[in-house]
PDB file of N, CA and C in Angstrom:
ATOM      1  N   UNK A   1       7.188   9.154 -10.238  1.00  0.00           N
ATOM      2  CA  UNK A   1       5.772   8.028  -9.806  1.00  0.00           C
ATOM      3  C   UNK A   1       7.000   7.012  -9.096  1.00  0.00           C
ATOM      4  N   UNK A   2       6.595   6.833  -7.913  1.00  0.00           N
ATOM      5  CA  UNK A   2       7.068   5.236  -7.786  1.00  0.00           C
ATOM      6  C   UNK A   2       5.798   4.169  -6.869  1.00  0.00           C
ATOM      7  N   UNK A   3       6.465   3.200  -7.510  1.00  0.00           N
ATOM      8  CA  UNK A   3       4.907   2.121  -7.185  1.00  0.00           C
ATOM      9  C   UNK A   3       5.863   1.031  -6.687  1.00  0.00           C
ATOM     10  N   UNK A   4       5.090   0.327  -5.023  1.00  0.00           N
ATOM     11  CA  UNK A   4       5.099  -0.462  -4.646  1.00  0.00           C
ATOM     12  C   UNK A   4       4.522  -1.741  -4.834  1.00  0.00           C
ATOM     13  N   UNK A   5       4.791  -2.721  -5.304  1.00  0.00           N
ATOM     14  CA  UNK A   5       3.868  -3.889  -5.887  1.00  0.00           C
ATOM     15  C   UNK A   5       4.177  -5.046  -5.088  1.00  0.00           C
ATOM     16  N   UNK A   6       2.746  -5.190  -4.590  1.00  0.00           N
ATOM     17  CA  UNK A   6       2.996  -6.202  -3.699  1.00  0.00           C
ATOM     18  C   UNK A   6       2.819  -7.568  -4.463  1.00  0.00           C
ATOM     19  N   UNK A   7       3.393  -8.846  -3.495  1.00  0.00           N
ATOM     20  CA  UNK A   7       3.748  -9.940  -4.398  1.00  0.00           C
ATOM     21  C   UNK A   7       2.534 -10.545  -5.345  1.00  0.00           C
ATOM     22  N   UNK A   8       3.427 -11.175  -6.314  1.00  0.00           N
ATOM     23  CA  UNK A   8       2.209 -11.469  -7.479  1.00  0.00           C
ATOM     24  C   UNK A   8       2.549 -10.388  -8.984  1.00  0.00           C
ATOM     25  N   UNK A   9       3.110 -11.363  -9.667  1.00  0.00           N
ATOM     26  CA  UNK A   9       3.686 -10.302 -10.949  1.00  0.00           C
ATOM     27  C   UNK A   9       2.132 -10.049 -11.806  1.00  0.00           C
ATOM     28  N   UNK A  10       1.410 -10.845 -12.033  1.00  0.00           N
ATOM     29  CA  UNK A  10       0.140 -10.291 -12.628  1.00  0.00           C
ATOM     30  C   UNK A  10      -0.152  -8.927 -12.886  1.00  0.00           C
ATOM     31  N   UNK A  11      -0.709  -8.897 -11.922  1.00  0.00           N
ATOM     32  CA  UNK A  11      -0.955  -7.119 -11.512  1.00  0.00           C
ATOM     33  C   UNK A  11       0.186  -6.225 -11.778  1.00  0.00           C
ATOM     34  N   UNK A  12       1.122  -6.513 -11.459  1.00  0.00           N
ATOM     35  CA  UNK A  12       2.398  -5.875 -11.483  1.00  0.00           C
ATOM     36  C   UNK A  12       3.078  -5.402 -13.085  1.00  0.00           C
ATOM     37  N   UNK A  13       2.663  -6.523 -14.090  1.00  0.00           N
ATOM     38  CA  UNK A  13       2.786  -6.598 -15.328  1.00  0.00           C
ATOM     39  C   UNK A  13       1.737  -5.256 -15.905  1.00  0.00           C
ATOM     40  N   UNK A  14       0.562  -5.848 -15.657  1.00  0.00           N
ATOM     41  CA  UNK A  14      -0.619  -4.696 -16.133  1.00  0.00           C
ATOM     42  C   UNK A  14      -0.641  -3.474 -15.445  1.00  0.00           C
ATOM     43  N   UNK A  15       0.054  -3.349 -14.497  1.00  0.00           N
ATOM     44  CA  UNK A  15       0.157  -1.531 -14.139  1.00  0.00           C
ATOM     45  C   UNK A  15       1.380  -1.256 -14.988  1.00  0.00           C
ATOM     46  N   UNK A  16       1.981  -1.975 -15.264  1.00  0.00           N
ATOM     47  CA  UNK A  16       3.382  -1.397 -15.883  1.00  0.00           C
ATOM     48  C   UNK A  16       2.652  -0.590 -17.454  1.00  0.00           C
ATOM     49  N   UNK A  17       2.264  -1.941 -18.153  1.00  0.00           N
ATOM     50  CA  UNK A  17       2.038  -1.722 -19.315  1.00  0.00           C
ATOM     51  C   UNK A  17       0.712  -0.602 -19.104  1.00  0.00           C
ATOM     52  N   UNK A  18      -0.247  -0.474 -17.858  1.00  0.00           N
ATOM     53  CA  UNK A  18      -1.195   0.778 -18.296  1.00  0.00           C
ATOM     54  C   UNK A  18      -0.131   1.541 -17.910  1.00  0.00           C
ATOM     55  N   UNK A  19       0.608   2.249 -17.474  1.00  0.00           N
ATOM     56  CA  UNK A  19       1.346   3.484 -16.943  1.00  0.00           C
ATOM     57  C   UNK A  19       1.795   3.621 -18.369  1.00  0.00           C
ATOM     58  N   UNK A  20       2.499   2.513 -19.004  1.00  0.00           N
ATOM     59  CA  UNK A  20       3.220   2.832 -20.182  1.00  0.00           C
ATOM     60  C   UNK A  20       1.802   3.692 -21.534  1.00  0.00           C
ATOM     61  N   UNK A  21       0.918   2.969 -21.555  1.00  0.00           N
ATOM     62  CA  UNK A  21       0.210   3.141 -22.384  1.00  0.00           C
ATOM     63  C   UNK A  21      -0.249   4.275 -22.195  1.00  0.00           C
ATOM     64  N   UNK A  22      -1.046   4.989 -21.342  1.00  0.00           N
ATOM     65  CA  UNK A  22      -1.142   6.122 -20.864  1.00  0.00           C
ATOM     66  C   UNK A  22      -0.327   7.242 -20.700  1.00  0.00           C
ATOM     67  N   UNK A  23       0.820   6.874 -21.387  1.00  0.00           N
ATOM     68  CA  UNK A  23       1.559   8.069 -21.494  1.00  0.00           C
ATOM     69  C   UNK A  23       2.892   8.129 -20.228  1.00  0.00           C
ATOM     70  N   UNK A  24       2.681   7.846 -19.443  1.00  0.00           N
ATOM     71  CA  UNK A  24       3.280   7.801 -17.785  1.00  0.00           C
ATOM     72  C   UNK A  24       4.964   6.806 -18.326  1.00  0.00           C
ATOM     73  N   UNK A  25       6.269   7.897 -17.940  1.00  0.00           N
ATOM     74  CA  UNK A  25       7.316   7.697 -18.157  1.00  0.00           C
ATOM     75  C   UNK A  25       8.345   8.151 -16.908  1.00  0.00           C
ATOM     76  N   UNK A  26       7.957   8.770 -15.911  1.00  0.00           N
ATOM     77  CA  UNK A  26       8.714   8.365 -14.898  1.00  0.00           C
ATOM     78  C   UNK A  26       8.278   7.707 -13.944  1.00  0.00           C
ATOM     79  N   UNK A  27       8.535   6.960 -13.535  1.00  0.00           N
ATOM     80  CA  UNK A  27       7.993   5.589 -12.184  1.00  0.00           C
ATOM     81  C   UNK A  27       8.856   4.967 -11.854  1.00  0.00           C
ATOM     82  N   UNK A  28       9.113   4.353 -11.089  1.00  0.00           N
ATOM     83  CA  UNK A  28       9.940   3.308 -10.572  1.00  0.00           C
ATOM     84  C   UNK A  28       8.779   2.021 -10.044  1.00  0.00           C
ATOM     85  N   UNK A  29       9.060   1.228 -10.188  1.00  0.00           N
ATOM     86  CA  UNK A  29       8.181  -0.103  -9.600  1.00  0.00           C
ATOM     87  C   UNK A  29       9.528  -0.954  -8.380  1.00  0.00           C
ATOM     88  N   UNK A  30       8.323  -1.193  -7.049  1.00  0.00           N
ATOM     89  CA  UNK A  30       9.564  -2.077  -6.765  1.00  0.00           C
ATOM     90  C   UNK A  30       8.535  -3.332  -5.985  1.00  0.00           C
ATOM     91  N   UNK A  31       8.966  -4.424  -6.179  1.00  0.00           N
ATOM     92  CA  UNK A  31       8.327  -5.745  -5.857  1.00  0.00           C
ATOM     93  C   UNK A  31       8.944  -5.606  -4.468  1.00  0.00           C
ATOM     94  N   UNK A  32       7.460  -5.817  -3.453  1.00  0.00           N
ATOM     95  CA  UNK A  32       8.168  -6.260  -2.101  1.00  0.00           C
ATOM     96  C   UNK A  32       6.569  -6.455  -1.641  1.00  0.00           C
ATOM     97  N   UNK A  33       6.580  -6.020   0.266  1.00  0.00           N
ATOM     98  CA  UNK A  33       5.734  -5.918   0.858  1.00  0.00           C
ATOM     99  C   UNK A  33       5.412  -4.523   1.786  1.00  0.00           C
ATOM    100  N   UNK A  34       4.274  -4.323   1.389  1.00  0.00           N
ATOM    101  CA  UNK A  34       3.860  -2.389   1.332  1.00  0.00           C
ATOM    102  C   UNK A  34       4.108  -2.364   3.046  1.00  0.00           C
ATOM    103  N   UNK A  35       3.247  -3.294   3.726  1.00  0.00           N
ATOM    104  CA  UNK A  35       3.086  -3.387   5.060  1.00  0.00           C
ATOM    105  C   UNK A  35       4.371  -3.669   5.745  1.00  0.00           C
ATOM    106  N   UNK A  36       4.853  -4.512   5.527  1.00  0.00           N
ATOM    107  CA  UNK A  36       6.038  -5.046   6.477  1.00  0.00           C
ATOM    108  C   UNK A  36       7.218  -4.003   5.971  1.00  0.00           C
ATOM    109  N   UNK A  37       7.509  -4.177   5.084  1.00  0.00           N
ATOM    110  CA  UNK A  37       9.050  -3.089   4.454  1.00  0.00           C
ATOM    111  C   UNK A  37       8.730  -2.283   3.296  1.00  0.00           C
ATOM    112  N   UNK A  38       8.273  -0.794   3.788  1.00  0.00           N
ATOM    113  CA  UNK A  38       7.874   0.125   2.467  1.00  0.00           C
ATOM    114  C   UNK A  38       9.130   0.035   2.261  1.00  0.00           C
ATOM    115  N   UNK A  39       8.835   0.791   0.605  1.00  0.00           N
ATOM    116  CA  UNK A  39      10.180   0.897  -0.586  1.00  0.00           C
ATOM    117  C   UNK A  39      10.742   2.026  -0.419  1.00  0.00           C
ATOM    118  N   UNK A  40       9.522   3.080  -0.067  1.00  0.00           N
ATOM    119  CA  UNK A  40      10.426   4.431  -0.533  1.00  0.00           C
ATOM    120  C   UNK A  40      10.327   5.364   0.906  1.00  0.00           C
ATOM    121  N   UNK A  41      11.716   6.275   0.904  1.00  0.00           N
ATOM    122  CA  UNK A  41      11.810   6.814   2.254  1.00  0.00           C
ATOM    123  C   UNK A  41      12.192   8.000   1.787  1.00  0.00           C
ATOM    124  N   UNK A  42      11.824   9.344   2.337  1.00  0.00           N
ATOM    125  CA  UNK A  42      12.982  10.365   2.234  1.00  0.00           C
ATOM    126  C   UNK A  42      13.547  10.578   3.988  1.00  0.00           C
ATOM    127  N   UNK A  43      14.664   9.922   3.732  1.00  0.00           N
ATOM    128  CA  UNK A  43      15.698  10.138   5.328  1.00  0.00           C
ATOM    129  C   UNK A  43      15.227   9.432   5.728  1.00  0.00           C
ATOM    130  N   UNK A  44      14.303   9.139   6.888  1.00  0.00           N
ATOM    131  CA  UNK A  44      14.414   8.406   7.882  1.00  0.00           C
ATOM    132  C   UNK A  44      12.562   7.801   7.847  1.00  0.00           C
ATOM    133  N   UNK A  45      11.953   8.929   7.298  1.00  0.00           N
ATOM    134  CA  UNK A  45      10.258   8.441   7.364  1.00  0.00           C
ATOM    135  C   UNK A  45      10.248   8.267   5.931  1.00  0.00           C
ATOM    136  N   UNK A  46       8.574   7.736   5.909  1.00  0.00           N
ATOM    137  CA  UNK A  46       8.384   7.386   4.599  1.00  0.00           C
ATOM    138  C   UNK A  46       7.856   8.571   3.763  1.00  0.00           C
ATOM    139  N   UNK A  47       8.009   8.317   2.367  1.00  0.00           N
ATOM    140  CA  UNK A  47       8.146   9.293   1.213  1.00  0.00           C
ATOM    141  C   UNK A  47       6.876   9.452   1.091  1.00  0.00           C
ATOM    142  N   UNK A  48       6.501  10.653   0.667  1.00  0.00           N
ATOM    143  CA  UNK A  48       5.057  10.955   0.267  1.00  0.00           C
ATOM    144  C   UNK A  48       4.569  11.069  -0.980  1.00  0.00           C
ATOM    145  N   UNK A  49       3.875  11.605  -1.684  1.00  0.00           N
ATOM    146  CA  UNK A  49       3.579  11.769  -3.247  1.00  0.00           C
ATOM    147  C   UNK A  49       2.446  12.246  -2.988  1.00  0.00           C
ATOM    148  N   UNK A  50       2.364  12.794  -4.347  1.00  0.00           N
ATOM    149  CA  UNK A  50       1.097  13.795  -4.862  1.00  0.00           C
ATOM    150  C   UNK A  50      -0.390  12.740  -5.468  1.00  0.00           C
ATOM    151  N   UNK A  51       0.088  11.517  -5.839  1.00  0.00           N
ATOM    152  CA  UNK A  51      -0.722  10.616  -6.217  1.00  0.00           C
ATOM    153  C   UNK A  51      -0.026   9.250  -6.204  1.00  0.00           C
ATOM    154  N   UNK A  52      -0.995   8.382  -5.679  1.00  0.00           N
ATOM    155  CA  UNK A  52      -0.850   6.377  -5.029  1.00  0.00           C
ATOM    156  C   UNK A  52      -1.841   5.708  -5.754  1.00  0.00           C
ATOM    157  N   UNK A  53      -1.705   4.762  -6.123  1.00  0.00           N
ATOM    158  CA  UNK A  53      -2.087   3.910  -7.506  1.00  0.00           C
ATOM    159  C   UNK A  53      -1.722   2.749  -6.712  1.00  0.00           C
ATOM    160  N   UNK A  54      -2.605   1.944  -6.023  1.00  0.00           N
ATOM    161  CA  UNK A  54      -2.773   0.785  -5.319  1.00  0.00           C
ATOM    162  C   UNK A  54      -3.483  -0.337  -6.108  1.00  0.00           C
ATOM    163  N   UNK A  55      -2.923  -1.791  -6.288  1.00  0.00           N
ATOM    164  CA  UNK A  55      -3.681  -2.777  -6.517  1.00  0.00           C
ATOM    165  C   UNK A  55      -3.313  -3.770  -5.248  1.00  0.00           C
ATOM    166  N   UNK A  56      -3.632  -3.522  -4.186  1.00  0.00           N
ATOM    167  CA  UNK A  56      -2.731  -4.227  -2.516  1.00  0.00           C
ATOM    168  C   UNK A  56      -3.962  -5.917  -2.394  1.00  0.00           C
ATOM    169  N   UNK A  57      -3.190  -6.756  -2.041  1.00  0.00           N
ATOM    170  CA  UNK A  57      -3.662  -8.011  -2.000  1.00  0.00           C
ATOM    171  C   UNK A  57      -4.868  -8.169  -0.698  1.00  0.00           C
ATOM    172  N   UNK A  58      -6.072  -7.413  -0.773  1.00  0.00           N
ATOM    173  CA  UNK A  58      -7.078  -7.304   0.346  1.00  0.00           C
ATOM    174  C   UNK A  58      -7.468  -8.692   1.199  1.00  0.00           C
ATOM    175  N   UNK A  59      -7.554  -8.470   2.248  1.00  0.00           N
ATOM    176  CA  UNK A  59      -7.688  -9.449   2.680  1.00  0.00           C
ATOM    177  C   UNK A  59      -6.928 -10.839   2.877  1.00  0.00           C
ATOM    178  N   UNK A  60      -5.992 -10.909   2.971  1.00  0.00           N
ATOM    179  CA  UNK A  60      -4.834 -12.154   2.805  1.00  0.00           C
ATOM    180  C   UNK A  60      -5.217 -12.708   4.411  1.00  0.00           C
ATOM    181  N   UNK A  61      -4.953 -13.878   4.521  1.00  0.00           N
ATOM    182  CA  UNK A  61      -5.027 -14.045   5.798  1.00  0.00           C
ATOM    183  C   UNK A  61      -3.784 -13.863   6.585  1.00  0.00           C
ATOM    184  N   UNK A  62      -2.630 -13.606   6.105  1.00  0.00           N
ATOM    185  CA  UNK A  62      -1.403 -13.087   6.717  1.00  0.00           C
ATOM    186  C   UNK A  62      -0.993 -11.765   6.419  1.00  0.00           C
ATOM    187  N   UNK A  63      -1.186 -10.781   6.537  1.00  0.00           N
ATOM    188  CA  UNK A  63      -1.548  -9.739   6.082  1.00  0.00           C
ATOM    189  C   UNK A  63      -0.212  -8.189   6.763  1.00  0.00           C
ATOM    190  N   UNK A  64       0.118  -9.144   8.033  1.00  0.00           N
ATOM    191  CA  UNK A  64       0.925  -8.395   8.853  1.00  0.00           C
ATOM    192  C   UNK A  64       0.658  -7.634  10.080  1.00  0.00           C
ATOM    193  N   UNK A  65      -0.594  -8.050  10.291  1.00  0.00           N
ATOM    194  CA  UNK A  65      -1.367  -7.578  11.526  1.00  0.00           C
ATOM    195  C   UNK A  65      -0.295  -7.684  12.705  1.00  0.00           C
ATOM    196  N   UNK A  66       0.548  -8.612  12.634  1.00  0.00           N
ATOM    197  CA  UNK A  66       1.338  -8.856  13.856  1.00  0.00           C
ATOM    198  C   UNK A  66       2.431  -7.787  14.177  1.00  0.00           C
ATOM    199  N   UNK A  67       2.881  -7.635  12.755  1.00  0.00           N
ATOM    200  CA  UNK A  67       4.014  -6.067  13.386  1.00  0.00           C
ATOM    201  C   UNK A  67       3.284  -4.396  13.289  1.00  0.00           C
ATOM    202  N   UNK A  68       1.979  -4.245  12.474  1.00  0.00           N
ATOM    203  CA  UNK A  68       1.208  -3.712  12.472  1.00  0.00           C
ATOM    204  C   UNK A  68       1.089  -2.390  13.817  1.00  0.00           C
ATOM    205  N   UNK A  69       0.700  -3.392  15.234  1.00  0.00           N
ATOM    206  CA  UNK A  69       0.506  -2.528  16.386  1.00  0.00           C
ATOM    207  C   UNK A  69       1.638  -1.637  16.979  1.00  0.00           C
ATOM    208  N   UNK A  70       2.967  -2.389  16.402  1.00  0.00           N
ATOM    209  CA  UNK A  70       3.957  -1.218  16.858  1.00  0.00           C
ATOM    210  C   UNK A  70       4.387  -0.779  15.441  1.00  0.00           C
ATOM    211  N   UNK A  71       3.891  -0.365  14.381  1.00  0.00           N
ATOM    212  CA  UNK A  71       4.485   0.217  13.424  1.00  0.00           C
ATOM    213  C   UNK A  71       5.294   1.273  13.122  1.00  0.00           C
ATOM    214  N   UNK A  72       6.638   1.178  13.102  1.00  0.00           N
ATOM    215  CA  UNK A  72       7.667   2.399  13.428  1.00  0.00           C
ATOM    216  C   UNK A  72       7.622   3.205  12.293  1.00  0.00           C
ATOM    217  N   UNK A  73       6.475   3.251  11.889  1.00  0.00           N
ATOM    218  CA  UNK A  73       6.503   4.540  10.428  1.00  0.00           C
ATOM    219  C   UNK A  73       5.054   5.193  11.394  1.00  0.00           C
ATOM    220  N   UNK A  74       4.454   5.001  12.078  1.00  0.00           N
ATOM    221  CA  UNK A  74       3.518   5.897  12.485  1.00  0.00           C
ATOM    222  C   UNK A  74       1.993   5.662  11.565  1.00  0.00           C
ATOM    223  N   UNK A  75       1.899   4.480  10.586  1.00  0.00           N
ATOM    224  CA  UNK A  75       0.848   4.194   9.860  1.00  0.00           C
ATOM    225  C   UNK A  75      -0.150   3.523  10.593  1.00  0.00           C
ATOM    226  N   UNK A  76      -0.134   3.370  11.811  1.00  0.00           N
ATOM    227  CA  UNK A  76      -0.961   2.778  12.589  1.00  0.00           C
ATOM    228  C   UNK A  76      -1.879   3.646  14.003  1.00  0.00           C
ATOM    229  N   UNK A  77      -1.640   5.162  13.045  1.00  0.00           N
ATOM    230  CA  UNK A  77      -1.905   6.193  14.320  1.00  0.00           C
ATOM    231  C   UNK A  77      -3.878   6.038  14.337  1.00  0.00           C
ATOM    232  N   UNK A  78      -4.642   5.520  13.627  1.00  0.00           N
ATOM    233  CA  UNK A  78      -5.661   4.956  14.486  1.00  0.00           C
ATOM    234  C   UNK A  78      -5.908   3.765  15.423  1.00  0.00           C
ATOM    235  N   UNK A  79      -5.082   3.120  15.361  1.00  0.00           N
ATOM    236  CA  UNK A  79      -4.953   1.648  15.831  1.00  0.00           C
ATOM    237  C   UNK A  79      -5.174   0.750  15.025  1.00  0.00           C
ATOM    238  N   UNK A  80      -5.101  -0.607  15.615  1.00  0.00           N
ATOM    239  CA  UNK A  80      -5.301  -1.543  15.109  1.00  0.00           C
ATOM    240  C   UNK A  80      -7.086  -1.499  13.934  1.00  0.00           C
ATOM    241  N   UNK A  81      -6.584  -2.020  12.970  1.00  0.00           N
ATOM    242  CA  UNK A  81      -8.000  -2.328  12.118  1.00  0.00           C
ATOM    243  C   UNK A  81      -9.024  -3.213  12.853  1.00  0.00           C
ATOM    244  N   UNK A  82     -10.556  -2.639  12.858  1.00  0.00           N
ATOM    245  CA  UNK A  82     -11.323  -3.680  13.643  1.00  0.00           C
ATOM    246  C   UNK A  82     -11.281  -4.885  12.557  1.00  0.00           C
ATOM    247  N   UNK A  83     -11.474  -6.066  13.736  1.00  0.00           N
ATOM    248  CA  UNK A  83     -12.082  -7.408  12.580  1.00  0.00           C
ATOM    249  C   UNK A  83     -13.124  -6.884  11.988  1.00  0.00           C
ATOM    250  N   UNK A  84     -13.048  -7.655  10.900  1.00  0.00           N
ATOM    251  CA  UNK A  84     -14.332  -7.591   9.724  1.00  0.00           C
ATOM    252  C   UNK A  84     -14.699  -8.783   9.654  1.00  0.00           C
ATOM    253  N   UNK A  85     -15.945  -9.422   9.746  1.00  0.00           N
ATOM    254  CA  UNK A  85     -16.593 -10.567   9.444  1.00  0.00           C
ATOM    255  C   UNK A  85     -16.209 -11.532   8.264  1.00  0.00           C
ATOM    256  N   UNK A  86     -16.347 -10.905   7.045  1.00  0.00           N
ATOM    257  CA  UNK A  86     -15.845 -11.386   5.989  1.00  0.00           C
ATOM    258  C   UNK A  86     -14.764 -11.516   5.928  1.00  0.00           C
ATOM    259  N   UNK A  87     -13.281 -10.800   6.356  1.00  0.00           N
ATOM    260  CA  UNK A  87     -11.862 -10.960   6.431  1.00  0.00           C
ATOM    261  C   UNK A  87     -11.343 -11.997   6.998  1.00  0.00           C
ATOM    262  N   UNK A  88     -12.119 -12.704   7.930  1.00  0.00           N
ATOM    263  CA  UNK A  88     -11.798 -13.878   8.350  1.00  0.00           C
ATOM    264  C   UNK A  88     -10.537 -13.852   8.919  1.00  0.00           C
ATOM    265  N   UNK A  89      -9.929 -12.507   9.746  1.00  0.00           N
ATOM    266  CA  UNK A  89      -8.578 -12.741  10.201  1.00  0.00           C
ATOM    267  C   UNK A  89      -8.649 -11.763  11.210  1.00  0.00           C
ATOM    268  N   UNK A  90      -7.977 -11.847  12.245  1.00  0.00           N
ATOM    269  CA  UNK A  90      -7.932 -10.888  13.897  1.00  0.00           C
ATOM    270  C   UNK A  90      -8.249  -9.300  13.252  1.00  0.00           C
ATOM    271  N   UNK A  91      -7.709  -9.069  12.674  1.00  0.00           N
ATOM    272  CA  UNK A  91      -8.309  -7.407  12.058  1.00  0.00           C
ATOM    273  C   UNK A  91      -8.142  -7.568  10.347  1.00  0.00           C
ATOM    274  N   UNK A  92      -8.953  -6.501   9.980  1.00  0.00           N
ATOM    275  CA  UNK A  92      -9.071  -6.044   8.185  1.00  0.00           C
ATOM    276  C   UNK A  92      -7.898  -5.941   7.673  1.00  0.00           C
ATOM    277  N   UNK A  93      -7.079  -6.228   6.993  1.00  0.00           N
ATOM    278  CA  UNK A  93      -6.221  -6.079   6.146  1.00  0.00           C
ATOM    279  C   UNK A  93      -6.382  -5.120   4.953  1.00  0.00           C
ATOM    280  N   UNK A  94      -7.542  -4.882   5.033  1.00  0.00           N
ATOM    281  CA  UNK A  94      -7.889  -3.498   3.513  1.00  0.00           C
ATOM    282  C   UNK A  94      -7.956  -2.655   4.377  1.00  0.00           C
ATOM    283  N   UNK A  95      -8.713  -2.011   5.602  1.00  0.00           N
ATOM    284  CA  UNK A  95      -8.452  -1.138   6.184  1.00  0.00           C
ATOM    285  C   UNK A  95      -7.142  -0.675   6.381  1.00  0.00           C
ATOM    286  N   UNK A  96      -5.938  -1.557   6.805  1.00  0.00           N
ATOM    287  CA  UNK A  96      -4.802  -1.250   7.395  1.00  0.00           C
ATOM    288  C   UNK A  96      -4.170  -1.097   5.890  1.00  0.00           C
ATOM    289  N   UNK A  97      -4.183  -1.685   4.684  1.00  0.00           N
ATOM    290  CA  UNK A  97      -3.631  -1.068   4.008  1.00  0.00           C
ATOM    291  C   UNK A  97      -3.818  -0.050   3.487  1.00  0.00           C
ATOM    292  N   UNK A  98      -5.047   0.735   3.802  1.00  0.00           N
ATOM    293  CA  UNK A  98      -5.590   1.664   2.952  1.00  0.00           C
ATOM    294  C   UNK A  98      -4.871   3.325   4.218  1.00  0.00           C
ATOM    295  N   UNK A  99      -5.246   2.686   5.582  1.00  0.00           N
ATOM    296  CA  UNK A  99      -4.698   3.018   6.495  1.00  0.00           C
ATOM    297  C   UNK A  99      -2.616   3.960   6.277  1.00  0.00           C
ATOM    298  N   UNK A 100      -2.425   2.586   5.399  1.00  0.00           N
ATOM    299  CA  UNK A 100      -0.521   2.724   5.193  1.00  0.00           C
ATOM    300  C   UNK A 100      -0.380   3.801   3.967  1.00  0.00           C
ATOM    301  N   UNK A 101      -1.530   3.654   2.639  1.00  0.00           N
ATOM    302  CA  UNK A 101      -1.509   4.543   1.854  1.00  0.00           C
ATOM    303  C   UNK A 101      -1.626   5.635   1.962  1.00  0.00           C
ATOM    304  N   UNK A 102      -2.533   6.084   2.984  1.00  0.00           N
ATOM    305  CA  UNK A 102      -2.567   7.231   3.673  1.00  0.00           C
ATOM    306  C   UNK A 102      -1.441   8.377   4.036  1.00  0.00           C
ATOM    307  N   UNK A 103      -0.801   7.023   4.528  1.00  0.00           N
ATOM    308  CA  UNK A 103       0.591   8.201   4.845  1.00  0.00           C
ATOM    309  C   UNK A 103       1.602   8.795   3.877  1.00  0.00           C
ATOM    310  N   UNK A 104       0.851   7.595   2.855  1.00  0.00           N
ATOM    311  CA  UNK A 104       2.222   7.889   1.567  1.00  0.00           C
ATOM    312  C   UNK A 104       1.673   9.269   0.847  1.00  0.00           C
ATOM    313  N   UNK A 105       0.810  10.090   1.105  1.00  0.00           N
ATOM    314  CA  UNK A 105       0.201  10.870   0.559  1.00  0.00           C
ATOM    315  C   UNK A 105       0.535  12.555   1.398  1.00  0.00           C
ATOM    316  N   UNK A 106       0.890  13.505  -0.004  1.00  0.00           N
ATOM    317  CA  UNK A 106       1.361  14.808   0.216  1.00  0.00           C
ATOM    318  C   UNK A 106      -0.136  15.039   0.951  1.00  0.00           C
ATOM    319  N   UNK A 107      -0.042  16.317   1.281  1.00  0.00           N
ATOM    320  CA  UNK A 107      -1.610  17.072   1.852  1.00  0.00           C
ATOM    321  C   UNK A 107      -2.680  17.252   0.695  1.00  0.00           C
ATOM    322  N   UNK A 108      -2.459  17.673   0.011  1.00  0.00           N
ATOM    323  CA  UNK A 108      -3.335  17.812  -1.349  1.00  0.00           C
ATOM    324  C   UNK A 108      -3.714  16.245  -2.418  1.00  0.00           C
ATOM    325  N   UNK A 109      -3.010  15.347  -2.084  1.00  0.00           N
ATOM    326  CA  UNK A 109      -2.680  14.068  -2.976  1.00  0.00           C
ATOM    327  C   UNK A 109      -3.854  13.919  -3.080  1.00  0.00           C
ATOM    328  N   UNK A 110      -4.340  12.849  -4.257  1.00  0.00           N
ATOM    329  CA  UNK A 110      -5.461  12.007  -4.382  1.00  0.00           C
ATOM    330  C   UNK A 110      -4.514   9.729  -4.662  1.00  0.00           C
ATOM    331  N   UNK A 111      -5.638   9.074  -4.180  1.00  0.00           N
ATOM    332  CA  UNK A 111      -5.381   7.963  -4.380  1.00  0.00           C
ATOM    333  C   UNK A 111      -6.191   7.149  -4.873  1.00  0.00           C
ATOM    334  N   UNK A 112      -5.918   6.160  -5.326  1.00  0.00           N
ATOM    335  CA  UNK A 112      -6.646   5.077  -5.599  1.00  0.00           C
ATOM    336  C   UNK A 112      -6.487   3.642  -5.197  1.00  0.00           C
ATOM    337  N   UNK A 113      -7.591   3.044  -5.412  1.00  0.00           N
ATOM    338  CA  UNK A 113      -7.276   1.366  -4.972  1.00  0.00           C
ATOM    339  C   UNK A 113      -8.359   0.577  -5.529  1.00  0.00           C
ATOM    340  N   UNK A 114      -7.959  -0.677  -6.185  1.00  0.00           N
ATOM    341  CA  UNK A 114      -9.144  -1.420  -6.833  1.00  0.00           C
ATOM    342  C   UNK A 114      -9.138  -2.578  -5.591  1.00  0.00           C
ATOM    343  N   UNK A 115     -10.171  -2.463  -5.687  1.00  0.00           N
ATOM    344  CA  UNK A 115     -11.545  -3.285  -4.400  1.00  0.00           C
ATOM    345  C   UNK A 115     -11.772  -4.807  -5.345  1.00  0.00           C
ATOM    346  N   UNK A 116     -11.777  -5.814  -4.674  1.00  0.00           N
ATOM    347  CA  UNK A 116     -12.261  -7.397  -5.023  1.00  0.00           C
ATOM    348  C   UNK A 116     -13.548  -7.663  -4.503  1.00  0.00           C
TER     349      UNK A 116
END
């Protein structure tokens, strides 16, 4: 299992403890920015997984929409996420994050995210 943890250590620590408490032992955690600089690759493409678990920072003001329009990994397959009134930004980071996670799933995979 490979995990990218966005900035902020508290959710990262909880994630690792939860994985260990539930018996997971084969995982890799990378701290970084999932949207701007993905961490897991298979050759020149993004790696795909059977399960993706995410606790992304939904709706931050600067989420990476400036690079999303020309995303080199094809995660913008549906174009720019629409503007959402509550997000208060040019477009919705929650939508962008979920689309990015979708591109990391195998054909019959599952995903879970925490929403705020």
